[in-house]
Structures are given as C-alpha cells and as structure tokens.
mmCIF file of all heavy atoms, coordinates in Angstrom:
data_MODEL
# 
_entry.id   MODEL 
# 
loop_
_atom_site.group_PDB 
_atom_site.id 
_atom_site.type_symbol 
_atom_site.label_atom_id 
_atom_site.label_alt_id 
_atom_site.label_comp_id 
_atom_site.label_asym_id 
_atom_site.label_entity_id 
_atom_site.label_seq_id 
_atom_site.pdbx_PDB_ins_code 
_atom_site.Cartn_x 
_atom_site.Cartn_y 
_atom_site.Cartn_z 
_atom_site.occupancy 
_atom_site.B_iso_or_equiv 
_atom_site.pdbx_formal_charge 
_atom_site.auth_seq_id 
_atom_site.auth_comp_id 
_atom_site.auth_asym_id 
_atom_site.auth_atom_id 
_atom_site.pdbx_PDB_model_num 
ATOM 1   N N   . VAL A 1 1  ? 1.388   -0.003 -0.360 1.00 0.00 ? 1  VAL A N   1 
ATOM 2   C CA  . VAL A 1 1  ? 1.103   0.049  1.103  1.00 0.00 ? 1  VAL A CA  1 
ATOM 3   C C   . VAL A 1 1  ? 2.195   0.970  1.731  1.00 0.00 ? 1  VAL A C   1 
ATOM 4   O O   . VAL A 1 1  ? 3.285   0.797  1.698  1.00 0.00 ? 1  VAL A O   1 
ATOM 5   C CB  . VAL A 1 1  ? 1.214   -1.320 1.777  1.00 0.00 ? 1  VAL A CB  1 
ATOM 6   C CG1 . VAL A 1 1  ? 0.978   -1.253 3.232  1.00 0.00 ? 1  VAL A CG1 1 
ATOM 7   C CG2 . VAL A 1 1  ? 0.318   -2.399 1.122  1.00 0.00 ? 1  VAL A CG2 1 
ATOM 8   N N   . ALA A 1 2  ? 1.646   2.147  2.315  1.00 0.00 ? 2  ALA A N   1 
ATOM 9   C CA  . ALA A 1 2  ? 2.472   3.082  2.971  1.00 0.00 ? 2  ALA A CA  1 
ATOM 10  C C   . ALA A 1 2  ? 2.389   2.930  4.446  1.00 0.00 ? 2  ALA A C   1 
ATOM 11  O O   . ALA A 1 2  ? 1.329   3.099  4.992  1.00 0.00 ? 2  ALA A O   1 
ATOM 12  C CB  . ALA A 1 2  ? 2.096   4.487  2.583  1.00 0.00 ? 2  ALA A CB  1 
ATOM 13  N N   . VAL A 1 3  ? 3.520   2.554  5.048  1.00 0.00 ? 3  VAL A N   1 
ATOM 14  C CA  . VAL A 1 3  ? 3.490   2.179  6.478  1.00 0.00 ? 3  VAL A CA  1 
ATOM 15  C C   . VAL A 1 3  ? 4.119   3.337  7.228  1.00 0.00 ? 3  VAL A C   1 
ATOM 16  O O   . VAL A 1 3  ? 5.106   4.008  6.946  1.00 0.00 ? 3  VAL A O   1 
ATOM 17  C CB  . VAL A 1 3  ? 4.350   0.897  6.652  1.00 0.00 ? 3  VAL A CB  1 
ATOM 18  C CG1 . VAL A 1 3  ? 4.472   0.589  8.219  1.00 0.00 ? 3  VAL A CG1 1 
ATOM 19  C CG2 . VAL A 1 3  ? 3.702   -0.290 6.022  1.00 0.00 ? 3  VAL A CG2 1 
ATOM 20  N N   . THR A 1 4  ? 3.508   3.668  8.376  1.00 0.00 ? 4  THR A N   1 
ATOM 21  C CA  . THR A 1 4  ? 3.952   4.661  9.390  1.00 0.00 ? 4  THR A CA  1 
ATOM 22  C C   . THR A 1 4  ? 3.315   4.434  10.740 1.00 0.00 ? 4  THR A C   1 
ATOM 23  O O   . THR A 1 4  ? 2.451   3.623  10.913 1.00 0.00 ? 4  THR A O   1 
ATOM 24  C CB  . THR A 1 4  ? 3.619   6.098  8.780  1.00 0.00 ? 4  THR A CB  1 
ATOM 25  O OG1 . THR A 1 4  ? 4.332   7.070  9.671  1.00 0.00 ? 4  THR A OG1 1 
ATOM 26  C CG2 . THR A 1 4  ? 2.203   6.356  8.824  1.00 0.00 ? 4  THR A CG2 1 
ATOM 27  N N   . ASP A 1 5  ? 3.828   5.290  11.629 1.00 0.00 ? 5  ASP A N   1 
ATOM 28  C CA  . ASP A 1 5  ? 3.163   5.208  12.977 1.00 0.00 ? 5  ASP A CA  1 
ATOM 29  C C   . ASP A 1 5  ? 1.859   5.952  12.907 1.00 0.00 ? 5  ASP A C   1 
ATOM 30  O O   . ASP A 1 5  ? 1.551   6.847  11.934 1.00 0.00 ? 5  ASP A O   1 
ATOM 31  C CB  . ASP A 1 5  ? 4.152   5.862  13.980 1.00 0.00 ? 5  ASP A CB  1 
ATOM 32  C CG  . ASP A 1 5  ? 4.379   7.407  13.693 1.00 0.00 ? 5  ASP A CG  1 
ATOM 33  O OD1 . ASP A 1 5  ? 5.222   7.571  12.865 1.00 0.00 ? 5  ASP A OD1 1 
ATOM 34  O OD2 . ASP A 1 5  ? 3.681   8.205  14.343 1.00 0.00 ? 5  ASP A OD2 1 
ATOM 35  N N   . GLY A 1 6  ? 0.856   5.723  13.836 1.00 0.00 ? 6  GLY A N   1 
ATOM 36  C CA  . GLY A 1 6  ? -0.321  6.295  13.905 1.00 0.00 ? 6  GLY A CA  1 
ATOM 37  C C   . GLY A 1 6  ? -0.395  7.813  13.882 1.00 0.00 ? 6  GLY A C   1 
ATOM 38  O O   . GLY A 1 6  ? -1.329  8.392  13.258 1.00 0.00 ? 6  GLY A O   1 
ATOM 39  N N   . PHE A 1 7  ? 0.458   8.427  14.629 1.00 0.00 ? 7  PHE A N   1 
ATOM 40  C CA  . PHE A 1 7  ? 0.413   9.932  14.740 1.00 0.00 ? 7  PHE A CA  1 
ATOM 41  C C   . PHE A 1 7  ? 0.749   10.542 13.324 1.00 0.00 ? 7  PHE A C   1 
ATOM 42  O O   . PHE A 1 7  ? 0.117   11.473 12.854 1.00 0.00 ? 7  PHE A O   1 
ATOM 43  C CB  . PHE A 1 7  ? 1.437   10.338 15.699 1.00 0.00 ? 7  PHE A CB  1 
ATOM 44  C CG  . PHE A 1 7  ? 1.536   11.830 15.968 1.00 0.00 ? 7  PHE A CG  1 
ATOM 45  C CD1 . PHE A 1 7  ? 0.604   12.476 16.730 1.00 0.00 ? 7  PHE A CD1 1 
ATOM 46  C CD2 . PHE A 1 7  ? 2.430   12.627 15.394 1.00 0.00 ? 7  PHE A CD2 1 
ATOM 47  C CE1 . PHE A 1 7  ? 0.648   13.846 16.943 1.00 0.00 ? 7  PHE A CE1 1 
ATOM 48  C CE2 . PHE A 1 7  ? 2.506   13.932 15.444 1.00 0.00 ? 7  PHE A CE2 1 
ATOM 49  C CZ  . PHE A 1 7  ? 1.564   14.585 16.307 1.00 0.00 ? 7  PHE A CZ  1 
ATOM 50  N N   . THR A 1 8  ? 1.829   9.945  12.744 1.00 0.00 ? 8  THR A N   1 
ATOM 51  C CA  . THR A 1 8  ? 2.243   10.516 11.507 1.00 0.00 ? 8  THR A CA  1 
ATOM 52  C C   . THR A 1 8  ? 1.195   10.231 10.427 1.00 0.00 ? 8  THR A C   1 
ATOM 53  O O   . THR A 1 8  ? 0.911   11.105 9.609  1.00 0.00 ? 8  THR A O   1 
ATOM 54  C CB  . THR A 1 8  ? 3.658   9.920  11.019 1.00 0.00 ? 8  THR A CB  1 
ATOM 55  O OG1 . THR A 1 8  ? 4.606   10.245 11.981 1.00 0.00 ? 8  THR A OG1 1 
ATOM 56  C CG2 . THR A 1 8  ? 4.103   10.532 9.683  1.00 0.00 ? 8  THR A CG2 1 
ATOM 57  N N   . GLY A 1 9  ? 0.679   9.068  10.435 1.00 0.00 ? 9  GLY A N   1 
ATOM 58  C CA  . GLY A 1 9  ? -0.309  8.668  9.488  1.00 0.00 ? 9  GLY A CA  1 
ATOM 59  C C   . GLY A 1 9  ? -1.548  9.405  9.493  1.00 0.00 ? 9  GLY A C   1 
ATOM 60  O O   . GLY A 1 9  ? -2.124  9.704  8.506  1.00 0.00 ? 9  GLY A O   1 
ATOM 61  N N   . ASN A 1 10 ? -2.017  9.781  10.671 1.00 0.00 ? 10 ASN A N   1 
ATOM 62  C CA  . ASN A 1 10 ? -3.258  10.642 10.735 1.00 0.00 ? 10 ASN A CA  1 
ATOM 63  C C   . ASN A 1 10 ? -2.927  12.023 10.141 1.00 0.00 ? 10 ASN A C   1 
ATOM 64  O O   . ASN A 1 10 ? -3.775  12.631 9.590  1.00 0.00 ? 10 ASN A O   1 
ATOM 65  C CB  . ASN A 1 10 ? -3.662  10.715 12.200 1.00 0.00 ? 10 ASN A CB  1 
ATOM 66  C CG  . ASN A 1 10 ? -5.067  11.386 12.372 1.00 0.00 ? 10 ASN A CG  1 
ATOM 67  O OD1 . ASN A 1 10 ? -5.114  12.514 12.763 1.00 0.00 ? 10 ASN A OD1 1 
ATOM 68  N ND2 . ASN A 1 10 ? -6.083  10.629 12.050 1.00 0.00 ? 10 ASN A ND2 1 
ATOM 69  N N   . ALA A 1 11 ? -1.696  12.602 10.444 1.00 0.00 ? 11 ALA A N   1 
ATOM 70  C CA  . ALA A 1 11 ? -1.307  13.926 9.940  1.00 0.00 ? 11 ALA A CA  1 
ATOM 71  C C   . ALA A 1 11 ? -1.253  13.798 8.408  1.00 0.00 ? 11 ALA A C   1 
ATOM 72  O O   . ALA A 1 11 ? -1.760  14.787 7.723  1.00 0.00 ? 11 ALA A O   1 
ATOM 73  C CB  . ALA A 1 11 ? -0.080  14.310 10.569 1.00 0.00 ? 11 ALA A CB  1 
ATOM 74  N N   . VAL A 1 12 ? -0.740  12.768 7.857  1.00 0.00 ? 12 VAL A N   1 
ATOM 75  C CA  . VAL A 1 12 ? -0.573  12.614 6.333  1.00 0.00 ? 12 VAL A CA  1 
ATOM 76  C C   . VAL A 1 12 ? -1.975  12.585 5.821  1.00 0.00 ? 12 VAL A C   1 
ATOM 77  O O   . VAL A 1 12 ? -2.246  13.152 4.811  1.00 0.00 ? 12 VAL A O   1 
ATOM 78  C CB  . VAL A 1 12 ? 0.191   11.329 6.050  1.00 0.00 ? 12 VAL A CB  1 
ATOM 79  C CG1 . VAL A 1 12 ? 0.235   11.041 4.531  1.00 0.00 ? 12 VAL A CG1 1 
ATOM 80  C CG2 . VAL A 1 12 ? 1.692   11.566 6.395  1.00 0.00 ? 12 VAL A CG2 1 
ATOM 81  N N   . LEU A 1 13 ? -2.793  11.724 6.441  1.00 0.00 ? 13 LEU A N   1 
ATOM 82  C CA  . LEU A 1 13 ? -4.158  11.489 5.841  1.00 0.00 ? 13 LEU A CA  1 
ATOM 83  C C   . LEU A 1 13 ? -4.957  12.803 5.873  1.00 0.00 ? 13 LEU A C   1 
ATOM 84  O O   . LEU A 1 13 ? -5.557  13.132 4.831  1.00 0.00 ? 13 LEU A O   1 
ATOM 85  C CB  . LEU A 1 13 ? -4.958  10.529 6.814  1.00 0.00 ? 13 LEU A CB  1 
ATOM 86  C CG  . LEU A 1 13 ? -6.474  10.306 6.518  1.00 0.00 ? 13 LEU A CG  1 
ATOM 87  C CD1 . LEU A 1 13 ? -6.601  9.734  5.074  1.00 0.00 ? 13 LEU A CD1 1 
ATOM 88  C CD2 . LEU A 1 13 ? -7.087  9.433  7.562  1.00 0.00 ? 13 LEU A CD2 1 
ATOM 89  N N   . LYS A 1 14 ? -4.862  13.597 6.975  1.00 0.00 ? 14 LYS A N   1 
ATOM 90  C CA  . LYS A 1 14 ? -5.639  14.828 7.019  1.00 0.00 ? 14 LYS A CA  1 
ATOM 91  C C   . LYS A 1 14 ? -5.095  15.883 6.063  1.00 0.00 ? 14 LYS A C   1 
ATOM 92  O O   . LYS A 1 14 ? -5.772  16.722 5.370  1.00 0.00 ? 14 LYS A O   1 
ATOM 93  C CB  . LYS A 1 14 ? -5.648  15.353 8.411  1.00 0.00 ? 14 LYS A CB  1 
ATOM 94  C CG  . LYS A 1 14 ? -6.559  14.531 9.242  1.00 0.00 ? 14 LYS A CG  1 
ATOM 95  C CD  . LYS A 1 14 ? -6.699  14.989 10.785 1.00 0.00 ? 14 LYS A CD  1 
ATOM 96  C CE  . LYS A 1 14 ? -7.514  14.147 11.608 1.00 0.00 ? 14 LYS A CE  1 
ATOM 97  N NZ  . LYS A 1 14 ? -7.480  14.496 13.016 1.00 0.00 ? 14 LYS A NZ  1 
ATOM 98  N N   . ALA A 1 15 ? -3.694  15.870 5.858  1.00 0.00 ? 15 ALA A N   1 
ATOM 99  C CA  . ALA A 1 15 ? -3.116  16.785 4.966  1.00 0.00 ? 15 ALA A CA  1 
ATOM 100 C C   . ALA A 1 15 ? -3.608  16.497 3.419  1.00 0.00 ? 15 ALA A C   1 
ATOM 101 O O   . ALA A 1 15 ? -3.788  17.352 2.649  1.00 0.00 ? 15 ALA A O   1 
ATOM 102 C CB  . ALA A 1 15 ? -1.653  16.659 5.006  1.00 0.00 ? 15 ALA A CB  1 
ATOM 103 N N   . ILE A 1 16 ? -3.590  15.181 3.112  1.00 0.00 ? 16 ILE A N   1 
ATOM 104 C CA  . ILE A 1 16 ? -4.078  14.797 1.769  1.00 0.00 ? 16 ILE A CA  1 
ATOM 105 C C   . ILE A 1 16 ? -5.384  15.208 1.530  1.00 0.00 ? 16 ILE A C   1 
ATOM 106 O O   . ILE A 1 16 ? -5.850  15.794 0.461  1.00 0.00 ? 16 ILE A O   1 
ATOM 107 C CB  . ILE A 1 16 ? -3.803  13.270 1.574  1.00 0.00 ? 16 ILE A CB  1 
ATOM 108 C CG1 . ILE A 1 16 ? -2.354  12.984 1.491  1.00 0.00 ? 16 ILE A CG1 1 
ATOM 109 C CG2 . ILE A 1 16 ? -4.454  12.800 0.353  1.00 0.00 ? 16 ILE A CG2 1 
ATOM 110 C CD1 . ILE A 1 16 ? -1.985  11.503 1.317  1.00 0.00 ? 16 ILE A CD1 1 
ATOM 111 N N   . GLU A 1 17 ? -6.356  14.790 2.482  1.00 0.00 ? 17 GLU A N   1 
ATOM 112 C CA  . GLU A 1 17 ? -7.751  15.111 2.251  1.00 0.00 ? 17 GLU A CA  1 
ATOM 113 C C   . GLU A 1 17 ? -8.014  16.708 2.266  1.00 0.00 ? 17 GLU A C   1 
ATOM 114 O O   . GLU A 1 17 ? -8.834  17.115 1.389  1.00 0.00 ? 17 GLU A O   1 
ATOM 115 C CB  . GLU A 1 17 ? -8.538  14.557 3.454  1.00 0.00 ? 17 GLU A CB  1 
ATOM 116 C CG  . GLU A 1 17 ? -8.659  13.001 3.391  1.00 0.00 ? 17 GLU A CG  1 
ATOM 117 C CD  . GLU A 1 17 ? -9.371  12.340 4.602  1.00 0.00 ? 17 GLU A CD  1 
ATOM 118 O OE1 . GLU A 1 17 ? -9.473  13.017 5.674  1.00 0.00 ? 17 GLU A OE1 1 
ATOM 119 O OE2 . GLU A 1 17 ? -9.940  11.327 4.421  1.00 0.00 ? 17 GLU A OE2 1 
ATOM 120 N N   . GLY A 1 18 ? -7.330  17.326 3.140  1.00 0.00 ? 18 GLY A N   1 
ATOM 121 C CA  . GLY A 1 18 ? -7.533  18.762 3.189  1.00 0.00 ? 18 GLY A CA  1 
ATOM 122 C C   . GLY A 1 18 ? -6.970  19.397 1.809  1.00 0.00 ? 18 GLY A C   1 
ATOM 123 O O   . GLY A 1 18 ? -7.726  20.400 1.261  1.00 0.00 ? 18 GLY A O   1 
ATOM 124 N N   . THR A 1 19 ? -5.896  19.046 1.366  1.00 0.00 ? 19 THR A N   1 
ATOM 125 C CA  . THR A 1 19 ? -5.363  19.531 0.124  1.00 0.00 ? 19 THR A CA  1 
ATOM 126 C C   . THR A 1 19 ? -6.323  19.313 -1.088 1.00 0.00 ? 19 THR A C   1 
ATOM 127 O O   . THR A 1 19 ? -6.511  20.140 -1.862 1.00 0.00 ? 19 THR A O   1 
ATOM 128 C CB  . THR A 1 19 ? -3.897  18.993 -0.157 1.00 0.00 ? 19 THR A CB  1 
ATOM 129 O OG1 . THR A 1 19 ? -3.105  19.340 0.980  1.00 0.00 ? 19 THR A OG1 1 
ATOM 130 C CG2 . THR A 1 19 ? -3.373  19.530 -1.406 1.00 0.00 ? 19 THR A CG2 1 
ATOM 131 N N   . ALA A 1 20 ? -6.692  18.020 -1.115 1.00 0.00 ? 20 ALA A N   1 
ATOM 132 C CA  . ALA A 1 20 ? -7.551  17.723 -2.293 1.00 0.00 ? 20 ALA A CA  1 
ATOM 133 C C   . ALA A 1 20 ? -8.792  18.512 -2.260 1.00 0.00 ? 20 ALA A C   1 
ATOM 134 O O   . ALA A 1 20 ? -9.361  19.081 -3.350 1.00 0.00 ? 20 ALA A O   1 
ATOM 135 C CB  . ALA A 1 20 ? -7.970  16.221 -2.244 1.00 0.00 ? 20 ALA A CB  1 
ATOM 136 N N   . SER A 1 21 ? -9.404  18.694 -1.041 1.00 0.00 ? 21 SER A N   1 
ATOM 137 C CA  . SER A 1 21 ? -10.634 19.479 -0.999 1.00 0.00 ? 21 SER A CA  1 
ATOM 138 C C   . SER A 1 21 ? -10.388 20.922 -1.286 1.00 0.00 ? 21 SER A C   1 
ATOM 139 O O   . SER A 1 21 ? -11.200 21.568 -2.022 1.00 0.00 ? 21 SER A O   1 
ATOM 140 C CB  . SER A 1 21 ? -11.229 19.415 0.470  1.00 0.00 ? 21 SER A CB  1 
ATOM 141 O OG  . SER A 1 21 ? -12.343 20.230 0.702  1.00 0.00 ? 21 SER A OG  1 
ATOM 142 N N   . ALA A 1 22 ? -9.265  21.540 -0.948 1.00 0.00 ? 22 ALA A N   1 
ATOM 143 C CA  . ALA A 1 22 ? -8.859  22.885 -1.164 1.00 0.00 ? 22 ALA A CA  1 
ATOM 144 C C   . ALA A 1 22 ? -8.603  23.064 -2.623 1.00 0.00 ? 22 ALA A C   1 
ATOM 145 O O   . ALA A 1 22 ? -9.076  24.306 -3.161 1.00 0.00 ? 22 ALA A O   1 
ATOM 146 C CB  . ALA A 1 22 ? -7.636  23.325 -0.300 1.00 0.00 ? 22 ALA A CB  1 
ATOM 147 N N   . ILE A 1 23 ? -8.024  22.203 -3.278 1.00 0.00 ? 23 ILE A N   1 
ATOM 148 C CA  . ILE A 1 23 ? -7.712  22.364 -4.764 1.00 0.00 ? 23 ILE A CA  1 
ATOM 149 C C   . ILE A 1 23 ? -9.145  22.377 -5.499 1.00 0.00 ? 23 ILE A C   1 
ATOM 150 O O   . ILE A 1 23 ? -9.294  23.269 -6.480 1.00 0.00 ? 23 ILE A O   1 
ATOM 151 C CB  . ILE A 1 23 ? -6.860  21.259 -5.272 1.00 0.00 ? 23 ILE A CB  1 
ATOM 152 C CG1 . ILE A 1 23 ? -5.467  21.484 -4.603 1.00 0.00 ? 23 ILE A CG1 1 
ATOM 153 C CG2 . ILE A 1 23 ? -6.808  21.282 -6.822 1.00 0.00 ? 23 ILE A CG2 1 
ATOM 154 C CD1 . ILE A 1 23 ? -4.474  20.350 -5.108 1.00 0.00 ? 23 ILE A CD1 1 
ATOM 155 N N   . VAL A 1 24 ? -9.988  21.511 -5.246 1.00 0.00 ? 24 VAL A N   1 
ATOM 156 C CA  . VAL A 1 24 ? -11.258 21.445 -5.856 1.00 0.00 ? 24 VAL A CA  1 
ATOM 157 C C   . VAL A 1 24 ? -11.980 22.796 -5.684 1.00 0.00 ? 24 VAL A C   1 
ATOM 158 O O   . VAL A 1 24 ? -12.557 23.353 -6.619 1.00 0.00 ? 24 VAL A O   1 
ATOM 159 C CB  . VAL A 1 24 ? -12.070 20.238 -5.421 1.00 0.00 ? 24 VAL A CB  1 
ATOM 160 C CG1 . VAL A 1 24 ? -13.479 20.351 -5.941 1.00 0.00 ? 24 VAL A CG1 1 
ATOM 161 C CG2 . VAL A 1 24 ? -11.438 18.960 -5.937 1.00 0.00 ? 24 VAL A CG2 1 
# 
C-alpha cells in the first residue's frame, strides 16, 4: 500500500501509466 496525498498520487499514477504505454 503506497500512501500519499491526492495531488501527488494522481501525478504518480499518470507517470506510471504513461511510461508503461510509452515503453510498449
């Protein structure tokens, strides 16, 4: 469980999803 505030969490989520999509 990775805990953070909503602003940071949304940025982390989009960075992970964007990176995964870009690598593929």
